Structures are given as structure tokens and as C-alpha cells.
Amino acid sequence: MALITLRGVCWGFDDPPLLDNISLTINKGERVCLLGRNGVGKSTLLKLISGQLTADQGDIQIQTGLKISWLEQEVPEDAHGSVFDVVASGWGESGRALIEYRRLCDELEYNPVVQNRVEDLRVILDANDGWDIAQNTEKALTRTHIDPAAAFSDLSAGKKRRVLFARAIAQMPDLLLLDEPTNHLDIDTILWMETTLKRHVQTLLFVTH
């Protein structure tokens, strides 16, 4: 069964729309390159597949339980805090609980209110695979060779891309979407990214020019 199937998908307000009668199938294990000029709807297509946009017309079928993650072109607005925080935030609510848990555990002074909150967070993490999330986050960060405690805002553009790439693959997605992933990267980092994709990602859709 296909992971993703698009049939007759249209999106956009112009005539013709930006995406007009698009059909696409992605099967497990495929590595698909989407090639096109600026402004032809490549990023929009990724947003439709990831569920950030809704098609105006047509059908998008996604395999039940499919886990999708993606690397955006630009640094997202929610990317702040330490390098660890940025990668863990990709896990949503569970990731945010893990970030707060680690921060509170680092506080040295005993505070009953803090201790109660730590216990509440521990319950949340126990119930939502929080410790597996922590382990996967740390594994992904090990591959970047960047200090997890470093401030994300202080990193170079290339290192920020490494961290955001780590956030995408840490979730072990069934389908990884990469929107012009080599932007701001030097040759060594591009080679590192290629090696990581070959070893750790099975199904891939990436955008380039």
C-alpha cells in the first residue's frame, strides 16, 4: 500500500491555481526528488502532504498512523533555547514536557512547587514514551557534533540547519520531507547529511531547484 496518494489535487486562488490537478504516489522505500523553479508550488505541495494546508480540490490519502517530519527552508519561529530544546521540541507536547522537566531538574534549590511540577512532568513522560524521546533526541544530536547545551541562536546558519535536520530525523519518520535541505550548507555538511540519510531514512521526498 502507498504511504501517500494524491489524486487531482488543486490549491490556490489564481486561475489556474498554483497547484492544478496534481497526482502523486509515494511508496515505502522511495526517494523522490521534486524539481522546479521558485514559486511553482514545491513548498506548498509539502505543506499539503504534511497536513499544514488543506487542498481546495482533490483527494489526499495518507496511510493510517504514518509519521511524517520535515525540514523547512527557513528557521521556524519556535526554534529557540538550547540545541537540545530545539530538537526535542519536534516531538510536540511530549517534547515540551521533556524540555521543562530537564530545566526544572537543573535547578539546585529545593522548592516544593517545583518538585510537584517535576513529578507531574514525570507522569506525563512515563505515559508518552518521554524517556525514549530523550534517548532519540540525544542520538540525533550526537550525529551533529554540536553541543546540546549550546544556545541555538548563537549558531551559524549551517549549524542551525544541522540541528533542524536532527530534529526531523530524531522522530524516526516513515516519510521525511526536505525543502531545499542544502541551503546555507558547506560541502562537508552536505556530505554528512547525505550519509545520514542513507543510513537512517528509508522514504524521502525532497525539493530542489
C-alpha atoms as a PDB file:
ATOM      1  CA  MET A   1       0.000   0.000   0.000  1.00  0.00           C
ATOM      2  CA  ALA A   2       1.249   3.513  -0.810  1.00  0.00           C
ATOM      3  CA  LEU A   3       2.256   5.743   2.088  1.00  0.00           C
ATOM      4  CA  ILE A   4       0.841   8.847   0.374  1.00  0.00           C
ATOM      5  CA  THR A   5      -1.553   9.156  -2.574  1.00  0.00           C
ATOM      6  CA  LEU A   6      -2.661  12.452  -4.128  1.00  0.00           C
ATOM      7  CA  ARG A   7      -5.391  12.472  -6.777  1.00  0.00           C
ATOM      8  CA  GLY A   8      -6.453  15.574  -8.707  1.00  0.00           C
ATOM      9  CA  VAL A   9      -5.241  17.958  -6.010  1.00  0.00           C
ATOM     10  CA  CYS A  10      -5.723  21.688  -6.594  1.00  0.00           C
ATOM     11  CA  TRP A  11      -4.654  24.596  -4.372  1.00  0.00           C
ATOM     12  CA  GLY A  12      -4.538  28.355  -4.862  1.00  0.00           C
ATOM     13  CA  PHE A  13      -6.736  31.297  -5.700  1.00  0.00           C
ATOM     14  CA  ASP A  14      -5.397  32.212  -9.126  1.00  0.00           C
ATOM     15  CA  ASP A  15      -6.670  30.933 -12.449  1.00  0.00           C
ATOM     16  CA  PRO A  16      -5.121  28.491 -12.994  1.00  0.00           C
ATOM     17  CA  PRO A  17      -4.398  27.670  -9.329  1.00  0.00           C
ATOM     18  CA  LEU A  18      -0.816  27.306  -8.083  1.00  0.00           C
ATOM     19  CA  LEU A  19      -1.257  23.526  -7.979  1.00  0.00           C
ATOM     20  CA  ASP A  20      -3.620  22.248 -10.652  1.00  0.00           C
ATOM     21  CA  ASN A  21      -4.782  18.623 -10.810  1.00  0.00           C
ATOM     22  CA  ILE A  22      -1.717  17.155  -9.087  1.00  0.00           C
ATOM     23  CA  SER A  23      -1.472  13.373  -8.692  1.00  0.00           C
ATOM     24  CA  LEU A  24       1.361  11.646  -6.849  1.00  0.00           C
ATOM     25  CA  THR A  25       2.058   8.348  -5.131  1.00  0.00           C
ATOM     26  CA  ILE A  26       4.903   7.692  -2.706  1.00  0.00           C
ATOM     27  CA  ASN A  27       5.636   4.101  -1.734  1.00  0.00           C
ATOM     28  CA  LYS A  28       7.728   2.843   1.156  1.00  0.00           C
ATOM     29  CA  GLY A  29      11.431   2.944   0.353  1.00  0.00           C
ATOM     30  CA  GLU A  30      11.186   5.508  -2.454  1.00  0.00           C
ATOM     31  CA  ARG A  31      13.426   8.572  -2.587  1.00  0.00           C
ATOM     32  CA  VAL A  32      11.666  11.207  -4.656  1.00  0.00           C
ATOM     33  CA  CYS A  33      13.173  14.485  -5.876  1.00  0.00           C
ATOM     34  CA  LEU A  34      10.795  17.354  -6.660  1.00  0.00           C
ATOM     35  CA  LEU A  35      12.490  19.713  -9.096  1.00  0.00           C
ATOM     36  CA  GLY A  36      11.197  23.139 -10.110  1.00  0.00           C
ATOM     37  CA  ARG A  37      11.733  26.877 -10.277  1.00  0.00           C
ATOM     38  CA  ASN A  38      10.924  29.273  -7.442  1.00  0.00           C
ATOM     39  CA  GLY A  39       7.229  29.971  -6.994  1.00  0.00           C
ATOM     40  CA  VAL A  40       5.818  26.919  -8.771  1.00  0.00           C
ATOM     41  CA  GLY A  41       4.354  25.376  -5.590  1.00  0.00           C
ATOM     42  CA  LYS A  42       7.001  22.928  -4.362  1.00  0.00           C
ATOM     43  CA  SER A  43       6.850  24.039  -0.730  1.00  0.00           C
ATOM     44  CA  THR A  44       3.062  24.253  -0.937  1.00  0.00           C
ATOM     45  CA  LEU A  45       2.919  20.619  -2.011  1.00  0.00           C
ATOM     46  CA  LEU A  46       4.989  19.607   1.019  1.00  0.00           C
ATOM     47  CA  LYS A  47       2.646  21.555   3.285  1.00  0.00           C
ATOM     48  CA  LEU A  48      -0.339  19.739   1.775  1.00  0.00           C
ATOM     49  CA  ILE A  49       1.310  16.360   2.340  1.00  0.00           C
ATOM     50  CA  SER A  50       2.280  17.238   5.921  1.00  0.00           C
ATOM     51  CA  GLY A  51      -1.232  18.491   6.698  1.00  0.00           C
ATOM     52  CA  GLN A  52      -0.329  22.144   7.209  1.00  0.00           C
ATOM     53  CA  LEU A  53      -2.575  23.099   4.291  1.00  0.00           C
ATOM     54  CA  THR A  54      -5.842  21.650   3.040  1.00  0.00           C
ATOM     55  CA  ALA A  55      -6.439  21.015  -0.656  1.00  0.00           C
ATOM     56  CA  ASP A  56      -9.110  23.129  -2.347  1.00  0.00           C
ATOM     57  CA  GLN A  57      -9.977  20.179  -4.549  1.00  0.00           C
ATOM     58  CA  GLY A  58      -8.939  16.560  -4.926  1.00  0.00           C
ATOM     59  CA  ASP A  59      -8.058  13.788  -2.513  1.00  0.00           C
ATOM     60  CA  ILE A  60      -5.027  13.178  -0.293  1.00  0.00           C
ATOM     61  CA  GLN A  61      -4.817   9.715   1.245  1.00  0.00           C
ATOM     62  CA  ILE A  62      -2.278   9.072   3.997  1.00  0.00           C
ATOM     63  CA  GLN A  63      -1.608   5.624   5.399  1.00  0.00           C
ATOM     64  CA  THR A  64      -3.054   5.264   8.893  1.00  0.00           C
ATOM     65  CA  GLY A  65      -0.501   6.012  11.588  1.00  0.00           C
ATOM     66  CA  LEU A  66       2.049   7.379   9.123  1.00  0.00           C
ATOM     67  CA  LYS A  67       4.680   9.531  10.842  1.00  0.00           C
ATOM     68  CA  ILE A  68       5.823  12.483   8.734  1.00  0.00           C
ATOM     69  CA  SER A  69       8.502  15.011   9.624  1.00  0.00           C
ATOM     70  CA  TRP A  70      10.093  17.746   7.574  1.00  0.00           C
ATOM     71  CA  LEU A  71      12.923  20.223   7.306  1.00  0.00           C
ATOM     72  CA  GLU A  72      11.690  23.669   6.310  1.00  0.00           C
ATOM     73  CA  GLN A  73      13.573  26.141   4.125  1.00  0.00           C
ATOM     74  CA  GLU A  74      13.731  28.766   6.848  1.00  0.00           C
ATOM     75  CA  VAL A  75      14.420  28.583  10.568  1.00  0.00           C
ATOM     76  CA  PRO A  76      10.982  28.217  12.239  1.00  0.00           C
ATOM     77  CA  GLU A  77       9.861  30.807  14.777  1.00  0.00           C
ATOM     78  CA  ASP A  78       9.613  28.211  17.556  1.00  0.00           C
ATOM     79  CA  ALA A  79      13.319  27.312  17.253  1.00  0.00           C
ATOM     80  CA  HIS A  80      14.817  28.838  20.394  1.00  0.00           C
ATOM     81  CA  GLY A  81      16.530  27.787  23.597  1.00  0.00           C
ATOM     82  CA  SER A  82      19.339  25.251  23.676  1.00  0.00           C
ATOM     83  CA  VAL A  83      20.218  22.908  20.826  1.00  0.00           C
ATOM     84  CA  PHE A  84      18.635  20.062  22.820  1.00  0.00           C
ATOM     85  CA  ASP A  85      15.455  22.109  23.289  1.00  0.00           C
ATOM     86  CA  VAL A  86      15.106  22.733  19.556  1.00  0.00           C
ATOM     87  CA  VAL A  87      15.459  19.064  18.663  1.00  0.00           C
ATOM     88  CA  ALA A  88      13.172  17.874  21.468  1.00  0.00           C
ATOM     89  CA  SER A  89      10.500  20.418  20.515  1.00  0.00           C
ATOM     90  CA  GLY A  90       9.868  18.431  17.339  1.00  0.00           C
ATOM     91  CA  TRP A  91       8.031  15.863  19.454  1.00  0.00           C
ATOM     92  CA  GLY A  92       5.238  18.308  20.294  1.00  0.00           C
ATOM     93  CA  GLU A  93       3.655  18.189  23.762  1.00  0.00           C
ATOM     94  CA  SER A  94       5.851  15.313  24.944  1.00  0.00           C
ATOM     95  CA  GLY A  95       8.948  17.159  23.785  1.00  0.00           C
ATOM     96  CA  ARG A  96       7.900  20.337  25.570  1.00  0.00           C
ATOM     97  CA  ALA A  97       7.316  18.338  28.768  1.00  0.00           C
ATOM     98  CA  LEU A  98      10.803  16.860  28.451  1.00  0.00           C
ATOM     99  CA  ILE A  99      12.348  20.307  27.964  1.00  0.00           C
ATOM    100  CA  GLU A 100      10.612  21.674  31.063  1.00  0.00           C
ATOM    101  CA  TYR A 101      11.484  18.561  33.079  1.00  0.00           C
ATOM    102  CA  ARG A 102      15.194  18.910  32.265  1.00  0.00           C
ATOM    103  CA  ARG A 103      15.153  22.623  33.059  1.00  0.00           C
ATOM    104  CA  LEU A 104      13.485  22.149  36.437  1.00  0.00           C
ATOM    105  CA  CYS A 105      15.764  19.255  37.359  1.00  0.00           C
ATOM    106  CA  ASP A 106      18.739  21.540  36.785  1.00  0.00           C
ATOM    107  CA  GLU A 107      17.508  23.945  39.471  1.00  0.00           C
ATOM    108  CA  LEU A 108      19.614  23.374  42.569  1.00  0.00           C
ATOM    109  CA  GLU A 109      17.450  24.936  45.280  1.00  0.00           C
ATOM    110  CA  TYR A 110      14.690  22.836  46.798  1.00  0.00           C
ATOM    111  CA  ASN A 111      11.294  24.286  46.034  1.00  0.00           C
ATOM    112  CA  PRO A 112       8.081  22.338  46.831  1.00  0.00           C
ATOM    113  CA  VAL A 113       6.217  23.922  43.925  1.00  0.00           C
ATOM    114  CA  VAL A 114       8.989  22.959  41.528  1.00  0.00           C
ATOM    115  CA  GLN A 115       9.167  19.451  42.964  1.00  0.00           C
ATOM    116  CA  ASN A 116       5.434  18.963  42.467  1.00  0.00           C
ATOM    117  CA  ARG A 117       5.702  20.152  38.863  1.00  0.00           C
ATOM    118  CA  VAL A 118       8.627  17.790  38.269  1.00  0.00           C
ATOM    119  CA  GLU A 119       6.516  14.872  39.486  1.00  0.00           C
ATOM    120  CA  ASP A 120       3.634  15.908  37.226  1.00  0.00           C
ATOM    121  CA  LEU A 121       6.005  16.071  34.254  1.00  0.00           C
ATOM    122  CA  ARG A 122       7.469  12.678  35.122  1.00  0.00           C
ATOM    123  CA  VAL A 123       3.964  11.189  34.959  1.00  0.00           C
ATOM    124  CA  ILE A 124       3.405  12.793  31.543  1.00  0.00           C
ATOM    125  CA  LEU A 125       6.727  11.484  30.250  1.00  0.00           C
ATOM    126  CA  ASP A 126       6.086   7.991  31.616  1.00  0.00           C
ATOM    127  CA  ALA A 127       2.755   7.886  29.806  1.00  0.00           C
ATOM    128  CA  ASN A 128       4.023   9.267  26.494  1.00  0.00           C
ATOM    129  CA  ASP A 129       7.325   7.479  25.820  1.00  0.00           C
ATOM    130  CA  GLY A 130       9.157  10.515  27.148  1.00  0.00           C
ATOM    131  CA  TRP A 131      12.334   8.636  28.000  1.00  0.00           C
ATOM    132  CA  ASP A 132      12.508   7.126  24.520  1.00  0.00           C
ATOM    133  CA  ILE A 133      12.088  10.646  23.147  1.00  0.00           C
ATOM    134  CA  ALA A 134      15.013  11.806  25.276  1.00  0.00           C
ATOM    135  CA  GLN A 135      17.180   8.949  24.032  1.00  0.00           C
ATOM    136  CA  ASN A 136      16.273   9.509  20.364  1.00  0.00           C
ATOM    137  CA  THR A 137      16.939  13.229  20.721  1.00  0.00           C
ATOM    138  CA  GLU A 138      20.364  12.592  22.202  1.00  0.00           C
ATOM    139  CA  LYS A 139      21.218  10.062  19.476  1.00  0.00           C
ATOM    140  CA  ALA A 140      20.256  12.512  16.737  1.00  0.00           C
ATOM    141  CA  LEU A 141      22.306  15.257  18.362  1.00  0.00           C
ATOM    142  CA  THR A 142      25.356  13.009  18.625  1.00  0.00           C
ATOM    143  CA  ARG A 143      25.420  12.842  14.826  1.00  0.00           C
ATOM    144  CA  THR A 144      25.539  16.645  14.523  1.00  0.00           C
ATOM    145  CA  HIS A 145      28.702  17.040  16.650  1.00  0.00           C
ATOM    146  CA  ILE A 146      27.148  20.137  18.219  1.00  0.00           C
ATOM    147  CA  ASP A 147      26.987  20.748  21.982  1.00  0.00           C
ATOM    148  CA  PRO A 148      23.385  20.053  23.107  1.00  0.00           C
ATOM    149  CA  ALA A 149      23.683  22.830  25.703  1.00  0.00           C
ATOM    150  CA  ALA A 150      24.717  25.468  23.159  1.00  0.00           C
ATOM    151  CA  ALA A 151      22.300  28.336  22.511  1.00  0.00           C
ATOM    152  CA  PHE A 152      20.607  27.761  19.165  1.00  0.00           C
ATOM    153  CA  SER A 153      20.563  31.485  18.430  1.00  0.00           C
ATOM    154  CA  ASP A 154      24.377  31.634  18.636  1.00  0.00           C
ATOM    155  CA  LEU A 155      24.944  29.008  15.918  1.00  0.00           C
ATOM    156  CA  SER A 156      25.954  29.712  12.342  1.00  0.00           C
ATOM    157  CA  ALA A 157      23.356  29.243   9.611  1.00  0.00           C
ATOM    158  CA  GLY A 158      24.907  25.904   8.621  1.00  0.00           C
ATOM    159  CA  LYS A 159      24.895  24.560  12.181  1.00  0.00           C
ATOM    160  CA  LYS A 160      21.288  25.661  12.636  1.00  0.00           C
ATOM    161  CA  ARG A 161      20.406  23.570   9.580  1.00  0.00           C
ATOM    162  CA  ARG A 162      22.208  20.606  11.128  1.00  0.00           C
ATOM    163  CA  VAL A 163      20.170  20.966  14.305  1.00  0.00           C
ATOM    164  CA  LEU A 164      16.884  21.304  12.440  1.00  0.00           C
ATOM    165  CA  PHE A 165      17.794  18.277  10.332  1.00  0.00           C
ATOM    166  CA  ALA A 166      18.463  16.367  13.563  1.00  0.00           C
ATOM    167  CA  ARG A 167      15.022  17.444  14.825  1.00  0.00           C
ATOM    168  CA  ALA A 168      13.438  15.973  11.704  1.00  0.00           C
ATOM    169  CA  ILE A 169      15.202  12.598  11.818  1.00  0.00           C
ATOM    170  CA  ALA A 170      15.061  12.198  15.612  1.00  0.00           C
ATOM    171  CA  GLN A 171      11.380  11.312  15.279  1.00  0.00           C
ATOM    172  CA  MET A 172      12.268   8.332  13.060  1.00  0.00           C
ATOM    173  CA  PRO A 173       9.629   9.295  10.471  1.00  0.00           C
ATOM    174  CA  ASP A 174       8.079   6.920   7.970  1.00  0.00           C
ATOM    175  CA  LEU A 175       8.334   9.766   5.454  1.00  0.00           C
ATOM    176  CA  LEU A 176      10.837  12.602   5.617  1.00  0.00           C
ATOM    177  CA  LEU A 177      10.170  15.841   3.720  1.00  0.00           C
ATOM    178  CA  LEU A 178      13.147  18.087   2.972  1.00  0.00           C
ATOM    179  CA  ASP A 179      12.583  21.541   1.483  1.00  0.00           C
ATOM    180  CA  GLU A 180      15.817  22.602  -0.238  1.00  0.00           C
ATOM    181  CA  PRO A 181      17.868  20.920   2.510  1.00  0.00           C
ATOM    182  CA  THR A 182      21.296  22.085   1.336  1.00  0.00           C
ATOM    183  CA  ASN A 183      20.565  25.806   1.775  1.00  0.00           C
ATOM    184  CA  HIS A 184      23.384  27.520   3.733  1.00  0.00           C
ATOM    185  CA  LEU A 185      25.417  24.299   3.940  1.00  0.00           C
ATOM    186  CA  ASP A 186      29.083  23.787   3.102  1.00  0.00           C
ATOM    187  CA  ILE A 187      30.319  20.711   1.218  1.00  0.00           C
ATOM    188  CA  ASP A 188      31.318  18.793   4.367  1.00  0.00           C
ATOM    189  CA  THR A 189      27.864  19.269   5.897  1.00  0.00           C
ATOM    190  CA  ILE A 190      26.137  18.261   2.665  1.00  0.00           C
ATOM    191  CA  LEU A 191      28.183  15.045   2.583  1.00  0.00           C
ATOM    192  CA  TRP A 192      27.338  14.447   6.255  1.00  0.00           C
ATOM    193  CA  MET A 193      23.651  14.907   5.520  1.00  0.00           C
ATOM    194  CA  GLU A 194      23.778  12.508   2.562  1.00  0.00           C
ATOM    195  CA  THR A 195      25.466   9.833   4.685  1.00  0.00           C
ATOM    196  CA  THR A 196      22.922  10.271   7.476  1.00  0.00           C
ATOM    197  CA  LEU A 197      20.014   9.967   5.048  1.00  0.00           C
ATOM    198  CA  LYS A 198      21.418   6.769   3.541  1.00  0.00           C
ATOM    199  CA  ARG A 199      21.833   5.169   6.959  1.00  0.00           C
ATOM    200  CA  HIS A 200      18.767   6.341   8.831  1.00  0.00           C
ATOM    201  CA  VAL A 201      15.976   7.362   6.419  1.00  0.00           C
ATOM    202  CA  GLN A 202      14.103   4.908   4.238  1.00  0.00           C
ATOM    203  CA  THR A 203      11.472   7.028   2.458  1.00  0.00           C
ATOM    204  CA  LEU A 204      12.182  10.564   1.353  1.00  0.00           C
ATOM    205  CA  LEU A 205      10.674  13.436  -0.646  1.00  0.00           C
ATOM    206  CA  PHE A 206      12.984  16.391  -1.148  1.00  0.00           C
ATOM    207  CA  VAL A 207      12.732  19.679  -3.019  1.00  0.00           C
ATOM    208  CA  THR A 208      15.442  21.335  -5.068  1.00  0.00           C
ATOM    209  CA  HIS A 209      15.803  23.737  -7.993  1.00  0.00           C
END
